[in-house]
């Protein structure tokens, strides 16, 4: 089974760049403290890198 990552939104995307808001929405994060489990791949890591100041990431097995 491939590894997955749990991404949790810890800061609001309001008043951020439109590109950052779009990434938050595309990852499926809505409100602060919302979490989503995503596959650990290059696309997910790249998106998380661009909004790293807004989220926390945990590796889930």
PDB file of N, CA and C in Angstrom:
ATOM      1  N   UNK A   1       0.843  -1.189   0.000  1.00  0.00           N
ATOM      2  CA  UNK A   1       0.000   0.000   0.000  1.00  0.00           C
ATOM      3  C   UNK A   1       0.882   1.245   0.000  1.00  0.00           C
ATOM      4  N   UNK A   2       0.568   2.161  -0.851  1.00  0.00           N
ATOM      5  CA  UNK A   2       1.343   3.398  -0.953  1.00  0.00           C
ATOM      6  C   UNK A   2       1.080   4.283   0.257  1.00  0.00           C
ATOM      7  N   UNK A   3       2.075   5.075   0.603  1.00  0.00           N
ATOM      8  CA  UNK A   3       1.903   5.980   1.732  1.00  0.00           C
ATOM      9  C   UNK A   3       0.977   7.119   1.363  1.00  0.00           C
ATOM     10  N   UNK A   4       0.369   7.674   2.392  1.00  0.00           N
ATOM     11  CA  UNK A   4      -0.524   8.802   2.210  1.00  0.00           C
ATOM     12  C   UNK A   4      -0.125   9.893   3.187  1.00  0.00           C
ATOM     13  N   UNK A   5      -0.570  11.106   2.918  1.00  0.00           N
ATOM     14  CA  UNK A   5      -0.300  12.222   3.815  1.00  0.00           C
ATOM     15  C   UNK A   5      -1.621  12.841   4.251  1.00  0.00           C
ATOM     16  N   UNK A   6      -1.666  13.238   5.514  1.00  0.00           N
ATOM     17  CA  UNK A   6      -2.835  13.928   6.049  1.00  0.00           C
ATOM     18  C   UNK A   6      -2.489  15.409   6.101  1.00  0.00           C
ATOM     19  N   UNK A   7      -3.238  16.213   5.369  1.00  0.00           N
ATOM     20  CA  UNK A   7      -3.003  17.653   5.289  1.00  0.00           C
ATOM     21  C   UNK A   7      -4.110  18.345   6.079  1.00  0.00           C
ATOM     22  N   UNK A   8      -3.712  19.200   7.031  1.00  0.00           N
ATOM     23  CA  UNK A   8      -4.664  19.922   7.874  1.00  0.00           C
ATOM     24  C   UNK A   8      -4.452  21.414   7.694  1.00  0.00           C
ATOM     25  N   UNK A   9      -5.528  22.136   7.440  1.00  0.00           N
ATOM     26  CA  UNK A   9      -5.476  23.590   7.293  1.00  0.00           C
ATOM     27  C   UNK A   9      -5.439  24.216   8.686  1.00  0.00           C
ATOM     28  N   UNK A  10      -4.356  24.929   9.014  1.00  0.00           N
ATOM     29  CA  UNK A  10      -4.215  25.524  10.347  1.00  0.00           C
ATOM     30  C   UNK A  10      -4.348  27.039  10.333  1.00  0.00           C
ATOM     31  N   UNK A  11      -4.242  27.648   9.163  1.00  0.00           N
ATOM     32  CA  UNK A  11      -4.445  29.091   9.027  1.00  0.00           C
ATOM     33  C   UNK A  11      -5.404  29.331   7.873  1.00  0.00           C
ATOM     34  N   UNK A  12      -6.165  30.391   7.963  1.00  0.00           N
ATOM     35  CA  UNK A  12      -7.168  30.700   6.954  1.00  0.00           C
ATOM     36  C   UNK A  12      -6.517  31.103   5.629  1.00  0.00           C
ATOM     37  N   UNK A  13      -7.207  30.766   4.547  1.00  0.00           N
ATOM     38  CA  UNK A  13      -6.746  31.151   3.216  1.00  0.00           C
ATOM     39  C   UNK A  13      -7.281  32.522   2.811  1.00  0.00           C
ATOM     40  N   UNK A  14      -8.085  33.129   3.664  1.00  0.00           N
ATOM     41  CA  UNK A  14      -8.617  34.461   3.371  1.00  0.00           C
ATOM     42  C   UNK A  14      -7.469  35.466   3.338  1.00  0.00           C
ATOM     43  N   UNK A  15      -7.574  36.437   2.477  1.00  0.00           N
ATOM     44  CA  UNK A  15      -6.573  37.496   2.320  1.00  0.00           C
ATOM     45  C   UNK A  15      -5.229  36.952   1.846  1.00  0.00           C
ATOM     46  N   UNK A  16      -5.237  35.823   1.164  1.00  0.00           N
ATOM     47  CA  UNK A  16      -4.027  35.259   0.564  1.00  0.00           C
ATOM     48  C   UNK A  16      -4.097  35.462  -0.942  1.00  0.00           C
ATOM     49  N   UNK A  17      -3.024  35.149  -1.614  1.00  0.00           N
ATOM     50  CA  UNK A  17      -3.003  35.260  -3.069  1.00  0.00           C
ATOM     51  C   UNK A  17      -4.048  34.318  -3.681  1.00  0.00           C
ATOM     52  N   UNK A  18      -4.670  34.730  -4.776  1.00  0.00           N
ATOM     53  CA  UNK A  18      -5.685  33.875  -5.405  1.00  0.00           C
ATOM     54  C   UNK A  18      -5.163  32.479  -5.754  1.00  0.00           C
ATOM     55  N   UNK A  19      -3.908  32.397  -6.143  1.00  0.00           N
ATOM     56  CA  UNK A  19      -3.314  31.103  -6.473  1.00  0.00           C
ATOM     57  C   UNK A  19      -3.275  30.188  -5.246  1.00  0.00           C
ATOM     58  N   UNK A  20      -2.946  30.762  -4.086  1.00  0.00           N
ATOM     59  CA  UNK A  20      -2.900  29.976  -2.854  1.00  0.00           C
ATOM     60  C   UNK A  20      -4.299  29.536  -2.434  1.00  0.00           C
ATOM     61  N   UNK A  21      -5.286  30.414  -2.587  1.00  0.00           N
ATOM     62  CA  UNK A  21      -6.671  30.046  -2.262  1.00  0.00           C
ATOM     63  C   UNK A  21      -7.147  28.915  -3.165  1.00  0.00           C
ATOM     64  N   UNK A  22      -6.754  28.963  -4.434  1.00  0.00           N
ATOM     65  CA  UNK A  22      -7.152  27.922  -5.380  1.00  0.00           C
ATOM     66  C   UNK A  22      -6.536  26.577  -5.013  1.00  0.00           C
ATOM     67  N   UNK A  23      -5.301  26.584  -4.554  1.00  0.00           N
ATOM     68  CA  UNK A  23      -4.639  25.344  -4.153  1.00  0.00           C
ATOM     69  C   UNK A  23      -5.333  24.747  -2.937  1.00  0.00           C
ATOM     70  N   UNK A  24      -5.674  25.587  -1.962  1.00  0.00           N
ATOM     71  CA  UNK A  24      -6.375  25.110  -0.764  1.00  0.00           C
ATOM     72  C   UNK A  24      -7.697  24.462  -1.166  1.00  0.00           C
ATOM     73  N   UNK A  25      -8.425  25.097  -2.051  1.00  0.00           N
ATOM     74  CA  UNK A  25      -9.715  24.570  -2.509  1.00  0.00           C
ATOM     75  C   UNK A  25      -9.518  23.271  -3.292  1.00  0.00           C
ATOM     76  N   UNK A  26      -8.503  23.218  -4.146  1.00  0.00           N
ATOM     77  CA  UNK A  26      -8.247  22.032  -4.963  1.00  0.00           C
ATOM     78  C   UNK A  26      -7.861  20.827  -4.115  1.00  0.00           C
ATOM     79  N   UNK A  27      -7.203  21.070  -2.989  1.00  0.00           N
ATOM     80  CA  UNK A  27      -6.836  19.972  -2.097  1.00  0.00           C
ATOM     81  C   UNK A  27      -8.031  19.467  -1.298  1.00  0.00           C
ATOM     82  N   UNK A  28      -9.136  20.207  -1.318  1.00  0.00           N
ATOM     83  CA  UNK A  28     -10.333  19.769  -0.606  1.00  0.00           C
ATOM     84  C   UNK A  28     -10.425  20.295   0.807  1.00  0.00           C
ATOM     85  N   UNK A  29      -9.665  21.343   1.104  1.00  0.00           N
ATOM     86  CA  UNK A  29      -9.693  21.940   2.438  1.00  0.00           C
ATOM     87  C   UNK A  29     -10.653  23.121   2.424  1.00  0.00           C
ATOM     88  N   UNK A  30     -11.578  23.152   3.374  1.00  0.00           N
ATOM     89  CA  UNK A  30     -12.587  24.199   3.385  1.00  0.00           C
ATOM     90  C   UNK A  30     -12.371  25.189   4.517  1.00  0.00           C
ATOM     91  N   UNK A  31     -12.493  24.729   5.740  1.00  0.00           N
ATOM     92  CA  UNK A  31     -12.384  25.608   6.896  1.00  0.00           C
ATOM     93  C   UNK A  31     -11.117  25.286   7.673  1.00  0.00           C
ATOM     94  N   UNK A  32     -10.743  26.179   8.556  1.00  0.00           N
ATOM     95  CA  UNK A  32      -9.597  25.937   9.427  1.00  0.00           C
ATOM     96  C   UNK A  32      -9.881  24.672  10.234  1.00  0.00           C
ATOM     97  N   UNK A  33      -8.878  23.858  10.429  1.00  0.00           N
ATOM     98  CA  UNK A  33      -8.933  22.570  11.129  1.00  0.00           C
ATOM     99  C   UNK A  33      -9.519  21.452  10.276  1.00  0.00           C
ATOM    100  N   UNK A  34      -9.872  21.715   9.035  1.00  0.00           N
ATOM    101  CA  UNK A  34     -10.335  20.631   8.173  1.00  0.00           C
ATOM    102  C   UNK A  34      -9.119  19.850   7.679  1.00  0.00           C
ATOM    103  N   UNK A  35      -9.300  18.542   7.547  1.00  0.00           N
ATOM    104  CA  UNK A  35      -8.205  17.666   7.134  1.00  0.00           C
ATOM    105  C   UNK A  35      -8.641  16.817   5.956  1.00  0.00           C
ATOM    106  N   UNK A  36      -7.651  16.382   5.199  1.00  0.00           N
ATOM    107  CA  UNK A  36      -7.906  15.492   4.074  1.00  0.00           C
ATOM    108  C   UNK A  36      -6.695  14.574   3.924  1.00  0.00           C
ATOM    109  N   UNK A  37      -6.956  13.309   3.585  1.00  0.00           N
ATOM    110  CA  UNK A  37      -5.883  12.342   3.363  1.00  0.00           C
ATOM    111  C   UNK A  37      -5.687  12.214   1.860  1.00  0.00           C
ATOM    112  N   UNK A  38      -4.457  12.442   1.422  1.00  0.00           N
ATOM    113  CA  UNK A  38      -4.130  12.447  -0.003  1.00  0.00           C
ATOM    114  C   UNK A  38      -2.978  11.491  -0.274  1.00  0.00           C
ATOM    115  N   UNK A  39      -2.847  11.010  -1.523  1.00  0.00           N
ATOM    116  CA  UNK A  39      -1.704  10.162  -1.853  1.00  0.00           C
ATOM    117  C   UNK A  39      -0.404  10.964  -1.777  1.00  0.00           C
ATOM    118  N   UNK A  40       0.648  10.291  -1.355  1.00  0.00           N
ATOM    119  CA  UNK A  40       1.954  10.943  -1.236  1.00  0.00           C
ATOM    120  C   UNK A  40       2.671  10.842  -2.578  1.00  0.00           C
ATOM    121  N   UNK A  41       2.443  11.840  -3.434  1.00  0.00           N
ATOM    122  CA  UNK A  41       3.094  11.855  -4.740  1.00  0.00           C
ATOM    123  C   UNK A  41       3.647  13.249  -5.020  1.00  0.00           C
ATOM    124  N   UNK A  42       4.260  13.407  -6.152  1.00  0.00           N
ATOM    125  CA  UNK A  42       4.916  14.664  -6.509  1.00  0.00           C
ATOM    126  C   UNK A  42       3.911  15.806  -6.604  1.00  0.00           C
ATOM    127  N   UNK A  43       2.741  15.551  -7.163  1.00  0.00           N
ATOM    128  CA  UNK A  43       1.739  16.597  -7.324  1.00  0.00           C
ATOM    129  C   UNK A  43       1.252  17.108  -5.969  1.00  0.00           C
ATOM    130  N   UNK A  44       0.980  16.197  -5.062  1.00  0.00           N
ATOM    131  CA  UNK A  44       0.512  16.590  -3.730  1.00  0.00           C
ATOM    132  C   UNK A  44       1.600  17.349  -2.991  1.00  0.00           C
ATOM    133  N   UNK A  45       2.824  16.846  -3.041  1.00  0.00           N
ATOM    134  CA  UNK A  45       3.938  17.511  -2.352  1.00  0.00           C
ATOM    135  C   UNK A  45       4.166  18.915  -2.903  1.00  0.00           C
ATOM    136  N   UNK A  46       4.049  19.088  -4.212  1.00  0.00           N
ATOM    137  CA  UNK A  46       4.234  20.405  -4.819  1.00  0.00           C
ATOM    138  C   UNK A  46       3.171  21.387  -4.387  1.00  0.00           C
ATOM    139  N   UNK A  47       1.921  20.931  -4.331  1.00  0.00           N
ATOM    140  CA  UNK A  47       0.826  21.803  -3.903  1.00  0.00           C
ATOM    141  C   UNK A  47       0.991  22.184  -2.436  1.00  0.00           C
ATOM    142  N   UNK A  48       1.356  21.217  -1.611  1.00  0.00           N
ATOM    143  CA  UNK A  48       1.542  21.485  -0.178  1.00  0.00           C
ATOM    144  C   UNK A  48       2.716  22.433   0.034  1.00  0.00           C
ATOM    145  N   UNK A  49       3.762  22.310  -0.761  1.00  0.00           N
ATOM    146  CA  UNK A  49       4.919  23.192  -0.631  1.00  0.00           C
ATOM    147  C   UNK A  49       4.527  24.649  -0.842  1.00  0.00           C
ATOM    148  N   UNK A  50       3.617  24.896  -1.785  1.00  0.00           N
ATOM    149  CA  UNK A  50       3.208  26.271  -2.091  1.00  0.00           C
ATOM    150  C   UNK A  50       2.345  26.896  -1.004  1.00  0.00           C
ATOM    151  N   UNK A  51       1.719  26.074  -0.167  1.00  0.00           N
ATOM    152  CA  UNK A  51       0.891  26.611   0.922  1.00  0.00           C
ATOM    153  C   UNK A  51       1.368  26.077   2.274  1.00  0.00           C
ATOM    154  N   UNK A  52       2.658  25.808   2.379  1.00  0.00           N
ATOM    155  CA  UNK A  52       3.216  25.210   3.594  1.00  0.00           C
ATOM    156  C   UNK A  52       2.997  26.075   4.829  1.00  0.00           C
ATOM    157  N   UNK A  53       2.875  27.384   4.649  1.00  0.00           N
ATOM    158  CA  UNK A  53       2.668  28.283   5.781  1.00  0.00           C
ATOM    159  C   UNK A  53       1.225  28.258   6.278  1.00  0.00           C
ATOM    160  N   UNK A  54       0.344  27.551   5.580  1.00  0.00           N
ATOM    161  CA  UNK A  54      -1.065  27.474   5.963  1.00  0.00           C
ATOM    162  C   UNK A  54      -1.476  26.100   6.486  1.00  0.00           C
ATOM    163  N   UNK A  55      -0.649  25.090   6.269  1.00  0.00           N
ATOM    164  CA  UNK A  55      -1.048  23.716   6.584  1.00  0.00           C
ATOM    165  C   UNK A  55       0.008  22.991   7.415  1.00  0.00           C
ATOM    166  N   UNK A  56      -0.422  21.870   8.005  1.00  0.00           N
ATOM    167  CA  UNK A  56       0.506  20.917   8.606  1.00  0.00           C
ATOM    168  C   UNK A  56       0.335  19.599   7.859  1.00  0.00           C
ATOM    169  N   UNK A  57       1.399  18.813   7.821  1.00  0.00           N
ATOM    170  CA  UNK A  57       1.388  17.560   7.070  1.00  0.00           C
ATOM    171  C   UNK A  57       1.866  16.437   7.976  1.00  0.00           C
ATOM    172  N   UNK A  58       1.122  15.318   7.958  1.00  0.00           N
ATOM    173  CA  UNK A  58       1.509  14.118   8.696  1.00  0.00           C
ATOM    174  C   UNK A  58       1.513  12.947   7.725  1.00  0.00           C
ATOM    175  N   UNK A  59       2.462  12.046   7.891  1.00  0.00           N
ATOM    176  CA  UNK A  59       2.506  10.847   7.056  1.00  0.00           C
ATOM    177  C   UNK A  59       1.599   9.797   7.693  1.00  0.00           C
ATOM    178  N   UNK A  60       0.706   9.226   6.888  1.00  0.00           N
ATOM    179  CA  UNK A  60      -0.229   8.200   7.339  1.00  0.00           C
ATOM    180  C   UNK A  60       0.102   6.924   6.595  1.00  0.00           C
ATOM    181  N   UNK A  61       0.131   5.814   7.316  1.00  0.00           N
ATOM    182  CA  UNK A  61       0.438   4.539   6.660  1.00  0.00           C
ATOM    183  C   UNK A  61      -0.812   3.765   6.367  1.00  0.00           C
TER     184      UNK A  61
END
